[in-house]
N, C-alpha and C. Protein backbone atom coordinates (compact mmCIF):
# COMPACT_ATOMS: atom_id res chain seq x y z
N MET A 1 0.83 -1.19 0.00
CA MET A 1 0.01 -0.01 0.00
C MET A 1 0.87 1.25 0.02
N ASN A 2 1.99 1.22 0.71
CA ASN A 2 2.87 2.40 0.72
C ASN A 2 3.43 2.68 -0.68
N THR A 3 3.66 1.65 -1.47
CA THR A 3 4.17 1.82 -2.81
C THR A 3 3.13 2.51 -3.70
N LEU A 4 1.86 2.19 -3.52
CA LEU A 4 0.81 2.82 -4.28
C LEU A 4 0.71 4.28 -3.93
N ILE A 5 0.74 4.61 -2.65
CA ILE A 5 0.68 6.00 -2.21
C ILE A 5 1.88 6.79 -2.68
N ALA A 6 3.04 6.18 -2.63
CA ALA A 6 4.26 6.88 -3.07
C ALA A 6 4.23 7.12 -4.58
N GLY A 7 3.76 6.11 -5.32
CA GLY A 7 3.67 6.27 -6.76
C GLY A 7 2.65 7.35 -7.16
N THR A 8 1.53 7.39 -6.45
CA THR A 8 0.49 8.40 -6.71
C THR A 8 1.02 9.80 -6.42
N ARG A 9 1.70 9.94 -5.32
CA ARG A 9 2.31 11.23 -4.98
C ARG A 9 3.32 11.70 -5.99
N ALA A 10 4.13 10.76 -6.46
CA ALA A 10 5.14 11.09 -7.46
C ALA A 10 4.47 11.56 -8.78
N GLU A 11 3.42 10.87 -9.19
CA GLU A 11 2.72 11.26 -10.42
C GLU A 11 2.06 12.62 -10.27
N LEU A 12 1.45 12.89 -9.14
CA LEU A 12 0.82 14.19 -8.92
C LEU A 12 1.86 15.30 -8.87
N GLN A 13 2.99 15.04 -8.27
CA GLN A 13 4.08 16.01 -8.23
C GLN A 13 4.59 16.31 -9.63
N ARG A 14 4.71 15.28 -10.45
CA ARG A 14 5.15 15.45 -11.82
C ARG A 14 4.13 16.24 -12.65
N LEU A 15 2.88 15.95 -12.50
CA LEU A 15 1.83 16.66 -13.24
C LEU A 15 1.76 18.14 -12.83
N ARG A 16 2.01 18.41 -11.59
CA ARG A 16 1.97 19.81 -11.12
C ARG A 16 3.01 20.68 -11.82
N THR A 17 4.10 20.11 -12.23
CA THR A 17 5.18 20.92 -12.85
C THR A 17 5.04 21.02 -14.36
N TRP A 18 4.10 20.33 -14.96
CA TRP A 18 3.93 20.37 -16.44
C TRP A 18 3.04 21.56 -16.83
N PRO A 19 3.58 22.45 -17.63
CA PRO A 19 2.70 23.58 -18.09
C PRO A 19 1.59 23.13 -19.00
N THR A 20 1.80 22.06 -19.72
CA THR A 20 0.77 21.53 -20.62
C THR A 20 -0.49 21.13 -19.85
N MET A 21 -0.34 20.57 -18.68
CA MET A 21 -1.46 20.17 -17.89
C MET A 21 -2.28 21.38 -17.46
N TRP A 22 -1.63 22.45 -17.13
CA TRP A 22 -2.33 23.69 -16.72
C TRP A 22 -3.04 24.33 -17.91
N VAL A 23 -2.43 24.26 -19.08
CA VAL A 23 -3.09 24.82 -20.29
C VAL A 23 -4.33 24.00 -20.61
N LEU A 24 -4.22 22.68 -20.55
CA LEU A 24 -5.39 21.82 -20.82
C LEU A 24 -6.50 22.07 -19.80
N LEU A 25 -6.15 22.21 -18.57
CA LEU A 25 -7.14 22.47 -17.52
C LEU A 25 -7.83 23.81 -17.74
N ALA A 26 -7.07 24.82 -18.10
CA ALA A 26 -7.67 26.14 -18.36
C ALA A 26 -8.55 26.12 -19.60
N SER A 27 -8.12 25.44 -20.65
CA SER A 27 -8.98 25.37 -21.86
C SER A 27 -10.22 24.57 -21.58
N TRP A 28 -10.17 23.55 -20.75
CA TRP A 28 -11.34 22.76 -20.34
C TRP A 28 -12.37 23.64 -19.65
N ILE A 29 -11.91 24.47 -18.72
CA ILE A 29 -12.80 25.37 -17.99
C ILE A 29 -13.41 26.42 -18.92
N VAL A 30 -12.58 26.98 -19.83
CA VAL A 30 -13.07 27.98 -20.76
C VAL A 30 -14.12 27.38 -21.69
N LEU A 31 -13.86 26.18 -22.22
CA LEU A 31 -14.87 25.51 -23.08
C LEU A 31 -16.16 25.26 -22.34
N ASN A 32 -16.08 24.83 -21.10
CA ASN A 32 -17.30 24.66 -20.30
C ASN A 32 -18.07 25.97 -20.19
N LEU A 33 -17.38 27.04 -19.87
CA LEU A 33 -18.03 28.33 -19.74
C LEU A 33 -18.65 28.79 -21.05
N VAL A 34 -17.94 28.67 -22.14
CA VAL A 34 -18.45 29.14 -23.41
C VAL A 34 -19.67 28.37 -23.85
N PHE A 35 -19.58 27.06 -23.85
CA PHE A 35 -20.68 26.27 -24.39
C PHE A 35 -21.87 26.16 -23.45
N LEU A 36 -21.66 26.31 -22.15
CA LEU A 36 -22.76 26.12 -21.24
C LEU A 36 -23.33 27.41 -20.67
N TYR A 37 -22.56 28.48 -20.72
CA TYR A 37 -23.07 29.75 -20.19
C TYR A 37 -23.23 30.82 -21.27
N VAL A 38 -22.21 31.02 -22.10
CA VAL A 38 -22.26 32.12 -23.07
C VAL A 38 -23.36 31.91 -24.09
N PHE A 39 -23.49 30.70 -24.60
CA PHE A 39 -24.53 30.45 -25.61
C PHE A 39 -25.91 30.59 -25.02
N ASP A 40 -26.10 30.11 -23.78
CA ASP A 40 -27.39 30.29 -23.13
C ASP A 40 -27.66 31.77 -22.84
N TYR A 41 -26.65 32.50 -22.49
CA TYR A 41 -26.82 33.92 -22.22
C TYR A 41 -27.20 34.69 -23.51
N ILE A 42 -26.53 34.38 -24.60
CA ILE A 42 -26.83 35.04 -25.88
C ILE A 42 -28.28 34.72 -26.30
N THR A 43 -28.63 33.44 -26.17
CA THR A 43 -30.02 33.06 -26.52
C THR A 43 -31.01 33.75 -25.62
N PHE A 44 -30.72 33.86 -24.33
CA PHE A 44 -31.62 34.53 -23.39
C PHE A 44 -31.77 36.00 -23.72
N ARG A 45 -30.64 36.67 -24.01
CA ARG A 45 -30.69 38.13 -24.28
C ARG A 45 -31.35 38.45 -25.62
N THR A 46 -31.19 37.62 -26.63
CA THR A 46 -31.77 37.89 -27.92
C THR A 46 -33.18 37.36 -28.05
N GLY A 47 -33.63 36.58 -27.10
CA GLY A 47 -34.97 36.02 -27.20
C GLY A 47 -35.07 34.87 -28.17
N GLY A 48 -33.95 34.22 -28.43
CA GLY A 48 -33.94 33.05 -29.28
C GLY A 48 -33.95 33.38 -30.78
N THR A 49 -33.57 34.58 -31.13
CA THR A 49 -33.59 34.99 -32.55
C THR A 49 -32.26 34.70 -33.26
N THR A 50 -31.25 34.16 -32.57
CA THR A 50 -30.00 33.86 -33.22
C THR A 50 -30.04 32.45 -33.77
N GLY A 51 -29.02 32.11 -34.55
CA GLY A 51 -28.97 30.78 -35.11
C GLY A 51 -28.73 29.68 -34.12
N MET A 52 -28.25 30.03 -32.94
CA MET A 52 -27.97 29.04 -31.93
C MET A 52 -29.09 28.97 -30.89
N SER A 53 -30.30 29.29 -31.26
CA SER A 53 -31.39 29.35 -30.32
C SER A 53 -31.73 27.97 -29.77
N SER A 54 -32.12 27.95 -28.55
CA SER A 54 -32.50 26.71 -27.86
C SER A 54 -34.03 26.64 -27.84
N THR A 55 -34.54 25.44 -27.68
CA THR A 55 -35.98 25.29 -27.58
C THR A 55 -36.45 25.50 -26.14
N ALA A 56 -35.52 25.72 -25.26
CA ALA A 56 -35.87 25.90 -23.83
C ALA A 56 -36.46 27.31 -23.65
N PRO A 57 -37.46 27.42 -22.75
CA PRO A 57 -38.02 28.74 -22.47
C PRO A 57 -37.00 29.63 -21.72
N ALA A 58 -37.26 30.91 -21.71
CA ALA A 58 -36.35 31.86 -21.08
C ALA A 58 -36.11 31.56 -19.61
N GLU A 59 -37.11 31.09 -18.92
CA GLU A 59 -36.96 30.79 -17.45
C GLU A 59 -35.97 29.66 -17.26
N VAL A 60 -36.00 28.68 -18.10
CA VAL A 60 -35.06 27.54 -18.02
C VAL A 60 -33.64 28.01 -18.29
N LEU A 61 -33.49 28.81 -19.32
CA LEU A 61 -32.16 29.37 -19.66
C LEU A 61 -31.60 30.18 -18.48
N LEU A 62 -32.44 30.99 -17.88
CA LEU A 62 -32.01 31.80 -16.75
C LEU A 62 -31.64 30.95 -15.56
N ASP A 63 -32.41 29.90 -15.30
CA ASP A 63 -32.12 28.99 -14.21
C ASP A 63 -30.77 28.30 -14.39
N ARG A 64 -30.39 27.99 -15.63
CA ARG A 64 -29.11 27.34 -15.90
C ARG A 64 -27.92 28.28 -15.68
N MET A 65 -28.19 29.60 -15.68
CA MET A 65 -27.10 30.58 -15.54
C MET A 65 -26.94 31.07 -14.08
N LEU A 66 -27.81 30.71 -13.19
CA LEU A 66 -27.73 31.16 -11.82
C LEU A 66 -26.65 30.37 -11.06
N PRO A 67 -26.12 30.93 -9.97
CA PRO A 67 -25.04 30.29 -9.23
C PRO A 67 -25.41 28.91 -8.66
N ASP A 68 -26.65 28.68 -8.36
CA ASP A 68 -27.07 27.38 -7.82
C ASP A 68 -26.87 26.27 -8.87
N ALA A 69 -26.87 26.59 -10.13
CA ALA A 69 -26.74 25.60 -11.19
C ALA A 69 -25.31 25.30 -11.59
N VAL A 70 -24.35 26.00 -11.03
CA VAL A 70 -22.95 25.81 -11.43
C VAL A 70 -22.45 24.35 -11.33
N PRO A 71 -22.65 23.68 -10.19
CA PRO A 71 -22.18 22.28 -10.13
C PRO A 71 -22.80 21.35 -11.18
N SER A 72 -24.08 21.48 -11.37
CA SER A 72 -24.73 20.59 -12.34
C SER A 72 -24.34 20.93 -13.80
N VAL A 73 -24.21 22.23 -14.08
CA VAL A 73 -23.86 22.68 -15.45
C VAL A 73 -22.44 22.23 -15.77
N PHE A 74 -21.52 22.40 -14.84
CA PHE A 74 -20.12 22.01 -15.11
C PHE A 74 -19.96 20.52 -15.22
N THR A 75 -20.67 19.73 -14.41
CA THR A 75 -20.52 18.27 -14.52
C THR A 75 -21.17 17.76 -15.80
N GLN A 76 -22.17 18.44 -16.33
CA GLN A 76 -22.75 18.04 -17.60
C GLN A 76 -21.76 18.19 -18.76
N GLY A 77 -20.94 19.25 -18.74
CA GLY A 77 -19.99 19.46 -19.79
C GLY A 77 -18.67 18.73 -19.62
N MET A 78 -18.38 18.24 -18.46
CA MET A 78 -17.08 17.59 -18.22
C MET A 78 -16.89 16.34 -19.07
N ALA A 79 -17.94 15.56 -19.21
CA ALA A 79 -17.79 14.35 -20.02
C ALA A 79 -17.50 14.68 -21.47
N MET A 80 -18.06 15.77 -21.93
CA MET A 80 -17.85 16.14 -23.35
C MET A 80 -16.45 16.71 -23.59
N PHE A 81 -16.00 17.60 -22.78
CA PHE A 81 -14.72 18.26 -23.00
C PHE A 81 -13.58 17.58 -22.26
N GLY A 82 -13.82 17.01 -21.11
CA GLY A 82 -12.75 16.37 -20.36
C GLY A 82 -12.46 14.96 -20.85
N GLY A 83 -13.47 14.29 -21.42
CA GLY A 83 -13.29 12.94 -21.88
C GLY A 83 -12.79 12.85 -23.29
N ALA A 84 -12.75 13.95 -24.02
CA ALA A 84 -12.37 13.87 -25.44
C ALA A 84 -10.88 13.85 -25.60
């Protein structure tokens, strides 16, 4: 068990020093924000008159943008952007 813990610590230490890992993490967060918040916001503000309009009513779009929805919205997009 000590070997497993030591190996895990070593891998995490190595990942922490890689700039590529931080760039990927930042792009993952930005993609989540753009696709799950910005598009909903544009659709909400324009009343669904843009090409990216959703079939959801304005109340649903607004509920998805409120702070209470942050955990569920981010976990919905993680499989798409983090798993690719």
